Amino acid sequence: MSQRLYSLIAKIMNVPVSQVNDESGPGSIDSWTSFKGYVLLYELEEEFKTKFTIDEALDVKKVADIKRHLKNHGIVLND
């Protein structure tokens, strides 16, 4: 399931999926702008049928943070 998450992020950020891992984020992916961050948030909510709070959205600094918030919403990403 992590591959599903990585693929979604890669598509939105327009990078190869091989460039996405748990440590990826705005600091390591140049195309990860604040706008694309909002697009990613929307797509994550659609893909995983959940809603994030403002605090959760602001807390995301890397992919591992997204995984943690998904887990807190009961979504298990089997690595």
Protein backbone atom coordinates (compact mmCIF):
# COMPACT_ATOMS: atom_id res chain seq x y z
CA MET A 1 0.00 0.00 0.00
CA SER A 2 2.95 2.36 0.49
CA GLN A 3 3.54 1.97 -3.23
CA ARG A 4 0.03 3.33 -3.79
CA LEU A 5 0.90 6.37 -1.67
CA TYR A 6 4.30 6.85 -3.32
CA SER A 7 2.74 6.60 -6.79
CA LEU A 8 0.14 9.24 -5.94
CA ILE A 9 2.80 11.60 -4.58
CA ALA A 10 5.06 11.02 -7.61
CA LYS A 11 2.18 11.76 -9.98
CA ILE A 12 1.25 15.02 -8.25
CA MET A 13 4.84 16.19 -7.83
CA ASN A 14 5.72 15.06 -11.38
CA VAL A 15 8.74 13.02 -10.29
CA PRO A 16 9.70 9.36 -10.76
CA VAL A 17 8.24 7.12 -8.07
CA SER A 18 11.81 6.01 -7.32
CA GLN A 19 12.43 9.52 -5.95
CA VAL A 20 9.68 9.14 -3.31
CA ASN A 21 10.33 7.54 0.08
CA ASP A 22 9.40 8.16 3.71
CA GLU A 23 11.94 10.99 4.01
CA SER A 24 10.76 12.81 0.86
CA GLY A 25 9.15 16.20 1.26
CA PRO A 26 9.35 19.82 0.16
CA GLY A 27 13.04 19.93 1.09
CA SER A 28 14.00 17.03 -1.16
CA ILE A 29 11.51 17.32 -4.04
CA ASP A 30 11.89 20.69 -5.78
CA SER A 31 8.43 20.55 -7.37
CA TRP A 32 6.75 20.09 -3.92
CA THR A 33 5.39 23.62 -3.65
CA SER A 34 2.77 24.81 -1.21
CA PHE A 35 0.17 24.67 -4.00
CA LYS A 36 1.06 21.09 -4.89
CA GLY A 37 0.93 20.31 -1.17
CA TYR A 38 -2.72 21.37 -1.17
CA VAL A 39 -3.39 19.34 -4.30
CA LEU A 40 -1.74 16.36 -2.60
CA LEU A 41 -3.90 16.82 0.49
CA TYR A 42 -7.06 16.84 -1.64
CA GLU A 43 -5.97 13.77 -3.60
CA LEU A 44 -5.05 11.89 -0.42
CA GLU A 45 -8.48 12.59 1.03
CA GLU A 46 -10.12 11.36 -2.18
CA GLU A 47 -7.92 8.28 -2.57
CA PHE A 48 -8.13 7.13 1.04
CA LYS A 49 -11.68 8.39 1.77
CA THR A 50 -10.69 10.47 4.79
CA LYS A 51 -10.46 14.10 5.89
CA PHE A 52 -7.45 15.74 7.49
CA THR A 53 -7.61 18.54 10.03
CA ILE A 54 -5.81 21.83 9.47
CA ASP A 55 -3.32 20.85 12.19
CA GLU A 56 -2.59 17.55 10.43
CA ALA A 57 -2.10 19.31 7.10
CA LEU A 58 0.28 21.84 8.61
CA ASP A 59 2.21 19.07 10.39
CA VAL A 60 3.29 17.34 7.16
CA LYS A 61 7.02 17.86 6.56
CA LYS A 62 7.74 14.54 4.85
CA VAL A 63 6.00 11.40 3.57
CA ALA A 64 6.42 9.66 6.93
CA ASP A 65 4.14 12.33 8.45
CA ILE A 66 1.46 11.55 5.85
CA LYS A 67 1.72 7.85 6.71
CA ARG A 68 1.39 8.63 10.43
CA HIS A 69 -1.74 10.71 9.87
CA LEU A 70 -3.27 8.06 7.61
CA LYS A 71 -2.60 5.46 10.30
CA ASN A 72 -4.27 7.73 12.89
CA HIS A 73 -7.33 7.70 10.61
CA GLY A 74 -7.35 3.90 10.61
CA ILE A 75 -5.72 3.50 7.19
CA VAL A 76 -3.03 0.84 7.29
CA LEU A 77 -0.27 1.02 4.71
CA ASN A 78 1.31 -2.42 4.51
CA ASP A 79 4.95 -1.92 3.60
